[in-house]
Every structure is written in structure tokens, then in C-alpha cells.
Amino acid sequence: MKSLRWNAVCFVVQLSFSLLSNYFAAFRTNGLLQESELSSNHFDLQRLQFQKIAENDALIKSQRHDLHHQLTVLQEYYEQNEREKLGNYLKALYAKLPSGRDTSLCKNYAVNAVASHYADMAKRAGDGVFQASVYLYLKAK
């Protein structure tokens, strides 16, 4: 009878260890999946940030090209002493200037990528007004 009880106890202990082992393996796998998903999201945000940089680069090249032509017009008006035309042209150029608002929302590159992404989404979806407060607590090294 003792042998049967001992076998039952051993079976229960082995079963418990097997269940615990499976539980921890599933827990570890779940953690790895979450970590993989976070890495994928981080990659997507980096890709979006790179896309914005590429768009800004194309815009700068276009503006540099336009600036060359605008300087040519300004020089021509100056050389022909066309003060009124020069003044009107300068007023038109000033009216086209962007507000000068910096597109960087914060100094941290990763946080800026996330915040800029959501700011752009809000601008496209709403009336162009975006306001946010972010509190980030970082562990000191």
C-alpha cells in the first residue's frame, strides 16, 4: 500500500513540475512575442520618421531650386532700378514664408518620433490643433 501511495505522490510531483515547466515556457514565449511586437512597432515608427526626413529633404531641394529663380528675379529688378516691382515681389515672397515653427516636439529622438506621428494623425483627422502633455520617467543610469 505504501508503494502505491509513494507512486501516486511521485506522479503528482512529476505532473506539477511538468505543468509548471509548461506554464513558464508559455510565459516566456508570451514575453518574447510582446517584445517582438514592441520592436516591430518601434521599427514602424522609425520608418515613418525616416519617411518624413526624406519628404523634408525633397522639399528643401525644391525650395533651393525656387530660391535660385527668386534671386534671379530680385537681381533683375535691382539692376533695372524697378523699386516698386522689387517691393511687390518681396511682399509676395514674405507672404509665402512658413511660420518657422520647429517640427521637433522634444529632444528625445524616439519620443519625438512617436509624438510627431500622433500629432500628424491628429492634424489629418481634425482641425489642425494638436496639444499634448507627456510625462516620461526614466530610470537613472
N, C-alpha and C. Protein backbone atom coordinates (compact mmCIF):
# COMPACT_ATOMS: atom_id res chain seq x y z
N MET A 1 0.80 -1.18 0.00
CA MET A 1 0.00 0.00 0.00
C MET A 1 0.86 1.27 0.00
N LYS A 2 1.99 1.22 0.78
CA LYS A 2 2.89 2.37 0.81
C LYS A 2 3.49 2.62 -0.57
N SER A 3 3.77 1.57 -1.27
CA SER A 3 4.35 1.69 -2.60
C SER A 3 3.37 2.39 -3.55
N LEU A 4 2.11 2.07 -3.42
CA LEU A 4 1.11 2.71 -4.27
C LEU A 4 0.98 4.19 -3.95
N ARG A 5 1.00 4.52 -2.66
CA ARG A 5 0.94 5.93 -2.25
C ARG A 5 2.19 6.67 -2.72
N TRP A 6 3.33 6.02 -2.55
CA TRP A 6 4.58 6.67 -2.98
C TRP A 6 4.55 6.92 -4.49
N ASN A 7 4.07 6.00 -5.25
CA ASN A 7 3.96 6.16 -6.70
C ASN A 7 2.99 7.29 -7.04
N ALA A 8 1.89 7.39 -6.32
CA ALA A 8 0.92 8.45 -6.56
C ALA A 8 1.52 9.81 -6.25
N VAL A 9 2.27 9.90 -5.13
CA VAL A 9 2.92 11.16 -4.76
C VAL A 9 3.94 11.54 -5.82
N CYS A 10 4.73 10.58 -6.27
CA CYS A 10 5.73 10.86 -7.31
C CYS A 10 5.06 11.32 -8.59
N PHE A 11 3.94 10.68 -8.94
CA PHE A 11 3.21 11.07 -10.14
C PHE A 11 2.69 12.50 -10.03
N VAL A 12 2.12 12.84 -8.87
CA VAL A 12 1.60 14.20 -8.66
C VAL A 12 2.74 15.22 -8.72
N VAL A 13 3.87 14.91 -8.12
CA VAL A 13 5.02 15.83 -8.15
C VAL A 13 5.53 16.01 -9.57
N GLN A 14 5.66 14.90 -10.33
CA GLN A 14 6.10 15.00 -11.72
C GLN A 14 5.12 15.79 -12.56
N LEU A 15 3.84 15.54 -12.34
CA LEU A 15 2.81 16.28 -13.07
C LEU A 15 2.87 17.77 -12.75
N SER A 16 3.08 18.09 -11.48
CA SER A 16 3.18 19.50 -11.06
C SER A 16 4.38 20.17 -11.71
N PHE A 17 5.53 19.49 -11.70
CA PHE A 17 6.72 20.05 -12.34
C PHE A 17 6.51 20.24 -13.84
N SER A 18 5.85 19.27 -14.46
CA SER A 18 5.59 19.36 -15.89
C SER A 18 4.67 20.55 -16.19
N LEU A 19 3.60 20.72 -15.39
CA LEU A 19 2.68 21.84 -15.59
C LEU A 19 3.38 23.17 -15.35
N LEU A 20 4.18 23.24 -14.28
CA LEU A 20 4.93 24.48 -14.01
C LEU A 20 5.92 24.78 -15.13
N SER A 21 6.58 23.77 -15.63
CA SER A 21 7.53 23.96 -16.73
C SER A 21 6.81 24.49 -17.97
N ASN A 22 5.66 23.91 -18.29
CA ASN A 22 4.88 24.37 -19.44
C ASN A 22 4.39 25.80 -19.22
N TYR A 23 3.97 26.11 -18.01
CA TYR A 23 3.48 27.46 -17.69
C TYR A 23 4.60 28.49 -17.89
N PHE A 24 5.79 28.18 -17.36
CA PHE A 24 6.90 29.12 -17.50
C PHE A 24 7.35 29.25 -18.96
N ALA A 25 7.30 28.16 -19.71
CA ALA A 25 7.66 28.22 -21.13
C ALA A 25 6.65 29.10 -21.88
N ALA A 26 5.37 28.94 -21.56
CA ALA A 26 4.35 29.77 -22.21
C ALA A 26 4.51 31.23 -21.80
N PHE A 27 4.81 31.48 -20.54
CA PHE A 27 5.01 32.84 -20.05
C PHE A 27 6.20 33.48 -20.76
N ARG A 28 7.29 32.72 -20.91
CA ARG A 28 8.48 33.22 -21.59
C ARG A 28 8.18 33.50 -23.07
N THR A 29 7.46 32.60 -23.71
CA THR A 29 7.09 32.79 -25.11
C THR A 29 6.21 34.02 -25.28
N ASN A 30 5.27 34.21 -24.38
CA ASN A 30 4.40 35.39 -24.43
C ASN A 30 5.23 36.67 -24.28
N GLY A 31 6.19 36.65 -23.38
CA GLY A 31 7.07 37.81 -23.20
C GLY A 31 7.88 38.10 -24.44
N LEU A 32 8.37 37.04 -25.09
CA LEU A 32 9.14 37.23 -26.32
C LEU A 32 8.26 37.77 -27.44
N LEU A 33 7.01 37.30 -27.50
CA LEU A 33 6.09 37.81 -28.51
C LEU A 33 5.80 39.29 -28.29
N GLN A 34 5.59 39.68 -27.03
CA GLN A 34 5.35 41.09 -26.73
C GLN A 34 6.56 41.93 -27.07
N GLU A 35 7.75 41.41 -26.76
CA GLU A 35 8.98 42.13 -27.07
C GLU A 35 9.14 42.27 -28.58
N SER A 36 8.81 41.23 -29.32
CA SER A 36 8.88 41.28 -30.78
C SER A 36 7.89 42.30 -31.33
N GLU A 37 6.69 42.34 -30.76
CA GLU A 37 5.68 43.31 -31.21
C GLU A 37 6.14 44.74 -30.93
N LEU A 38 6.76 44.96 -29.77
CA LEU A 38 7.27 46.29 -29.45
C LEU A 38 8.37 46.69 -30.42
N SER A 39 9.24 45.74 -30.75
CA SER A 39 10.32 46.02 -31.71
C SER A 39 9.74 46.35 -33.08
N SER A 40 8.70 45.63 -33.46
CA SER A 40 8.06 45.89 -34.75
C SER A 40 7.43 47.28 -34.77
N ASN A 41 6.75 47.65 -33.68
CA ASN A 41 6.15 48.99 -33.59
C ASN A 41 7.23 50.06 -33.63
N HIS A 42 8.34 49.82 -32.94
CA HIS A 42 9.45 50.77 -32.93
C HIS A 42 10.01 50.94 -34.35
N PHE A 43 10.14 49.82 -35.06
CA PHE A 43 10.63 49.86 -36.45
C PHE A 43 9.68 50.66 -37.32
N ASP A 44 8.37 50.44 -37.15
CA ASP A 44 7.38 51.18 -37.95
C ASP A 44 7.49 52.68 -37.70
N LEU A 45 7.68 53.06 -36.43
CA LEU A 45 7.81 54.48 -36.11
C LEU A 45 9.09 55.06 -36.70
N GLN A 46 10.17 54.28 -36.66
CA GLN A 46 11.42 54.75 -37.27
C GLN A 46 11.25 54.92 -38.77
N ARG A 47 10.53 53.99 -39.41
CA ARG A 47 10.30 54.08 -40.85
C ARG A 47 9.49 55.33 -41.18
N LEU A 48 8.48 55.63 -40.36
CA LEU A 48 7.69 56.85 -40.58
C LEU A 48 8.54 58.10 -40.40
N GLN A 49 9.40 58.10 -39.39
CA GLN A 49 10.28 59.24 -39.16
C GLN A 49 11.25 59.41 -40.33
N PHE A 50 11.78 58.30 -40.84
CA PHE A 50 12.68 58.38 -41.99
C PHE A 50 11.93 58.91 -43.21
N GLN A 51 10.68 58.48 -43.38
CA GLN A 51 9.88 58.96 -44.50
C GLN A 51 9.67 60.48 -44.40
N LYS A 52 9.44 60.98 -43.19
CA LYS A 52 9.29 62.43 -43.01
C LYS A 52 10.60 63.15 -43.35
N ILE A 53 11.71 62.56 -42.95
CA ILE A 53 13.01 63.17 -43.26
C ILE A 53 13.22 63.22 -44.77
N ALA A 54 12.87 62.14 -45.46
CA ALA A 54 13.02 62.10 -46.92
C ALA A 54 12.11 63.14 -47.58
N GLU A 55 10.88 63.28 -47.07
CA GLU A 55 9.96 64.29 -47.62
C GLU A 55 10.50 65.69 -47.40
N ASN A 56 11.04 65.94 -46.21
CA ASN A 56 11.63 67.25 -45.92
C ASN A 56 12.84 67.52 -46.81
N ASP A 57 13.62 66.48 -47.09
CA ASP A 57 14.78 66.63 -47.97
C ASP A 57 14.33 67.04 -49.38
N ALA A 58 13.29 66.38 -49.87
CA ALA A 58 12.76 66.72 -51.20
C ALA A 58 12.22 68.14 -51.22
N LEU A 59 11.56 68.54 -50.14
CA LEU A 59 11.04 69.90 -50.04
C LEU A 59 12.16 70.93 -50.03
N ILE A 60 13.23 70.64 -49.32
CA ILE A 60 14.38 71.55 -49.26
C ILE A 60 15.02 71.70 -50.64
N LYS A 61 15.14 70.58 -51.36
CA LYS A 61 15.72 70.66 -52.72
C LYS A 61 14.85 71.52 -53.63
N SER A 62 13.55 71.36 -53.52
CA SER A 62 12.63 72.17 -54.33
C SER A 62 12.73 73.64 -53.95
N GLN A 63 12.82 73.91 -52.65
CA GLN A 63 12.92 75.30 -52.19
C GLN A 63 14.24 75.93 -52.62
N ARG A 64 15.30 75.17 -52.63
CA ARG A 64 16.60 75.68 -53.09
C ARG A 64 16.52 76.05 -54.57
N HIS A 65 15.86 75.21 -55.34
CA HIS A 65 15.66 75.49 -56.77
C HIS A 65 14.85 76.77 -56.95
N ASP A 66 13.74 76.90 -56.18
CA ASP A 66 12.91 78.11 -56.25
C ASP A 66 13.70 79.35 -55.83
N LEU A 67 14.54 79.19 -54.80
CA LEU A 67 15.32 80.32 -54.31
C LEU A 67 16.26 80.85 -55.41
N HIS A 68 16.83 79.95 -56.15
CA HIS A 68 17.71 80.37 -57.24
C HIS A 68 16.96 81.27 -58.23
N HIS A 69 15.75 80.86 -58.61
CA HIS A 69 14.96 81.66 -59.54
C HIS A 69 14.51 82.99 -58.91
N GLN A 70 14.16 82.95 -57.63
CA GLN A 70 13.72 84.17 -56.94
C GLN A 70 14.86 85.18 -56.84
N LEU A 71 16.06 84.69 -56.57
CA LEU A 71 17.21 85.60 -56.51
C LEU A 71 17.50 86.21 -57.89
N THR A 72 17.29 85.43 -58.93
CA THR A 72 17.47 85.95 -60.29
C THR A 72 16.50 87.09 -60.56
N VAL A 73 15.24 86.90 -60.16
CA VAL A 73 14.22 87.95 -60.35
C VAL A 73 14.59 89.18 -59.53
N LEU A 74 14.99 88.98 -58.28
CA LEU A 74 15.37 90.11 -57.42
C LEU A 74 16.54 90.88 -58.02
N GLN A 75 17.53 90.15 -58.51
CA GLN A 75 18.69 90.82 -59.11
C GLN A 75 18.27 91.61 -60.34
N GLU A 76 17.40 91.07 -61.14
CA GLU A 76 16.94 91.74 -62.36
C GLU A 76 16.19 93.03 -62.00
N TYR A 77 15.29 92.96 -61.03
CA TYR A 77 14.56 94.17 -60.60
C TYR A 77 15.54 95.21 -60.04
N TYR A 78 16.53 94.77 -59.30
CA TYR A 78 17.51 95.69 -58.72
C TYR A 78 18.33 96.36 -59.82
N GLU A 79 18.81 95.57 -60.77
CA GLU A 79 19.64 96.12 -61.83
C GLU A 79 18.86 97.08 -62.72
N GLN A 80 17.56 96.88 -62.89
CA GLN A 80 16.74 97.76 -63.72
C GLN A 80 16.13 98.89 -62.89
N ASN A 81 16.49 98.96 -61.62
CA ASN A 81 16.01 100.01 -60.71
C ASN A 81 14.47 100.05 -60.65
N GLU A 82 13.86 98.88 -60.64
CA GLU A 82 12.40 98.74 -60.55
C GLU A 82 12.01 98.56 -59.09
N ARG A 83 12.06 99.68 -58.32
CA ARG A 83 11.82 99.61 -56.88
C ARG A 83 10.41 99.14 -56.54
N GLU A 84 9.42 99.59 -57.27
CA GLU A 84 8.05 99.21 -56.96
C GLU A 84 7.83 97.70 -57.21
N LYS A 85 8.32 97.22 -58.36
CA LYS A 85 8.20 95.79 -58.66
C LYS A 85 8.99 94.96 -57.66
N LEU A 86 10.17 95.46 -57.28
CA LEU A 86 11.01 94.78 -56.30
C LEU A 86 10.28 94.68 -54.96
N GLY A 87 9.68 95.78 -54.51
CA GLY A 87 8.94 95.79 -53.25
C GLY A 87 7.75 94.85 -53.28
N ASN A 88 6.99 94.86 -54.39
CA ASN A 88 5.83 93.96 -54.51
C ASN A 88 6.26 92.50 -54.51
N TYR A 89 7.36 92.22 -55.19
CA TYR A 89 7.85 90.84 -55.25
C TYR A 89 8.30 90.37 -53.87
N LEU A 90 9.00 91.26 -53.15
CA LEU A 90 9.43 90.91 -51.80
C LEU A 90 8.24 90.67 -50.87
N LYS A 91 7.20 91.50 -50.98
CA LYS A 91 5.99 91.29 -50.17
C LYS A 91 5.36 89.93 -50.47
N ALA A 92 5.31 89.58 -51.75
CA ALA A 92 4.74 88.29 -52.13
C ALA A 92 5.57 87.13 -51.58
N LEU A 93 6.90 87.28 -51.59
CA LEU A 93 7.77 86.24 -51.04
C LEU A 93 7.57 86.10 -49.53
N TYR A 94 7.50 87.22 -48.82
CA TYR A 94 7.29 87.18 -47.36
C TYR A 94 5.96 86.51 -47.01
N ALA A 95 4.96 86.74 -47.83
CA ALA A 95 3.64 86.15 -47.57
C ALA A 95 3.67 84.63 -47.71
N LYS A 96 4.58 84.12 -48.54
CA LYS A 96 4.68 82.68 -48.77
C LYS A 96 5.53 81.96 -47.73
N LEU A 97 6.26 82.72 -46.92
CA LEU A 97 7.16 82.10 -45.95
C LEU A 97 6.38 81.29 -44.91
N PRO A 98 6.90 80.11 -44.53
CA PRO A 98 6.24 79.34 -43.48
C PRO A 98 6.40 80.04 -42.13
N SER A 99 5.64 79.58 -41.16
CA SER A 99 5.62 80.23 -39.85
C SER A 99 6.95 80.12 -39.12
N GLY A 100 7.77 79.14 -39.51
CA GLY A 100 9.06 78.98 -38.83
C GLY A 100 8.97 78.11 -37.61
N ARG A 101 7.80 77.49 -37.37
CA ARG A 101 7.61 76.62 -36.22
C ARG A 101 8.48 75.38 -36.39
N ASP A 102 9.22 75.06 -35.34
CA ASP A 102 10.08 73.88 -35.35
C ASP A 102 9.23 72.63 -35.30
N THR A 103 9.54 71.65 -36.16
CA THR A 103 8.75 70.43 -36.19
C THR A 103 9.14 69.46 -35.09
N SER A 104 10.24 69.71 -34.40
CA SER A 104 10.66 68.84 -33.31
C SER A 104 9.82 69.16 -32.07
N LEU A 105 9.19 68.14 -31.52
CA LEU A 105 8.35 68.33 -30.34
C LEU A 105 9.11 68.14 -29.04
N CYS A 106 10.20 67.38 -29.08
CA CYS A 106 11.03 67.21 -27.88
C CYS A 106 12.44 66.79 -28.31
N LYS A 107 13.34 66.77 -27.36
CA LYS A 107 14.75 66.48 -27.67
C LYS A 107 15.02 65.00 -27.86
N ASN A 108 14.25 64.14 -27.21
CA ASN A 108 14.44 62.70 -27.30
C ASN A 108 13.95 62.21 -28.66
N TYR A 109 14.83 61.59 -29.44
CA TYR A 109 14.50 61.19 -30.81
C TYR A 109 13.34 60.20 -30.85
N ALA A 110 13.39 59.17 -29.99
CA ALA A 110 12.34 58.14 -30.01
C ALA A 110 10.99 58.72 -29.60
N VAL A 111 10.98 59.53 -28.55
CA VAL A 111 9.73 60.14 -28.09
C VAL A 111 9.22 61.11 -29.15
N ASN A 112 10.13 61.85 -29.78
CA ASN A 112 9.72 62.79 -30.83
C ASN A 112 9.09 62.05 -32.00
N ALA A 113 9.64 60.89 -32.35
CA ALA A 113 9.08 60.11 -33.46
C ALA A 113 7.64 59.70 -33.15
N VAL A 114 7.41 59.24 -31.93
CA VAL A 114 6.06 58.81 -31.53
C VAL A 114 5.13 60.02 -31.47
N ALA A 115 5.57 61.08 -30.80
CA ALA A 115 4.72 62.27 -30.65
C ALA A 115 4.42 62.91 -32.00
N SER A 116 5.40 62.97 -32.88
CA SER A 116 5.19 63.55 -34.21
C SER A 116 4.20 62.72 -35.02
N HIS A 117 4.32 61.40 -34.87
CA HIS A 117 3.39 60.51 -35.58
C HIS A 117 1.94 60.80 -35.16
N TYR A 118 1.72 60.88 -33.85
CA TYR A 118 0.35 61.12 -33.38
C TYR A 118 -0.10 62.56 -33.64
N ALA A 119 0.82 63.50 -33.64
CA ALA A 119 0.47 64.88 -33.97
C ALA A 119 0.02 64.97 -35.42
N ASP A 120 0.73 64.29 -36.31
CA ASP A 120 0.34 64.27 -37.72
C ASP A 120 -1.02 63.61 -37.91
N MET A 121 -1.25 62.52 -37.19
CA MET A 121 -2.55 61.84 -37.27
C MET A 121 -3.66 62.78 -36.82
N ALA A 122 -3.42 63.51 -35.73
CA ALA A 122 -4.43 64.43 -35.21
C ALA A 122 -4.69 65.57 -36.18
N LYS A 123 -3.63 66.08 -36.80
CA LYS A 123 -3.79 67.16 -37.77
C LYS A 123 -4.59 66.72 -38.98
N ARG A 124 -4.34 65.49 -39.44
CA ARG A 124 -5.08 64.99 -40.60
C ARG A 124 -6.54 64.71 -40.26
N ALA A 125 -6.80 64.30 -39.03
CA ALA A 125 -8.16 63.92 -38.64
C ALA A 125 -9.00 65.09 -38.16
N GLY A 126 -8.35 66.13 -37.64
CA GLY A 126 -9.12 67.19 -37.00
C GLY A 126 -8.94 68.54 -37.64
N ASP A 127 -9.01 69.55 -36.80
CA ASP A 127 -8.97 70.93 -37.27
C ASP A 127 -7.55 71.49 -37.30
N GLY A 128 -6.54 70.64 -37.16
CA GLY A 128 -5.16 71.10 -37.22
C GLY A 128 -4.60 71.52 -35.88
N VAL A 129 -5.40 71.45 -34.83
CA VAL A 129 -4.93 71.83 -33.50
C VAL A 129 -4.49 70.56 -32.78
N PHE A 130 -3.30 70.58 -32.25
CA PHE A 130 -2.78 69.42 -31.53
C PHE A 130 -2.13 69.91 -30.26
N GLN A 131 -2.55 69.35 -29.14
CA GLN A 131 -1.96 69.70 -27.86
C GLN A 131 -1.80 68.42 -27.06
N ALA A 132 -0.63 68.24 -26.46
CA ALA A 132 -0.39 67.02 -25.70
C ALA A 132 0.58 67.32 -24.57
N SER A 133 0.43 66.56 -23.52
CA SER A 133 1.38 66.60 -22.41
C SER A 133 1.89 65.19 -22.21
N VAL A 134 3.19 65.04 -22.15
CA VAL A 134 3.79 63.73 -21.96
C VAL A 134 4.69 63.79 -20.75
N TYR A 135 4.45 62.86 -19.84
CA TYR A 135 5.31 62.75 -18.67
C TYR A 135 6.08 61.45 -18.81
N LEU A 136 7.39 61.56 -18.88
CA LEU A 136 8.24 60.41 -19.10
C LEU A 136 9.19 60.29 -17.93
N TYR A 137 9.14 59.15 -17.30
CA TYR A 137 10.02 58.89 -16.16
C TYR A 137 11.08 57.89 -16.59
N LEU A 138 12.33 58.31 -16.55
CA LEU A 138 13.43 57.47 -16.96
C LEU A 138 14.25 57.05 -15.75
N LYS A 139 14.66 55.82 -15.76
CA LYS A 139 15.50 55.31 -14.68
C LYS A 139 16.91 55.85 -14.86
N ALA A 140 17.46 56.42 -13.81
CA ALA A 140 18.82 56.99 -13.88
C ALA A 140 19.83 55.86 -14.03
N LYS A 141 20.84 56.11 -14.84
CA LYS A 141 21.90 55.09 -15.04
C LYS A 141 22.96 55.23 -13.99
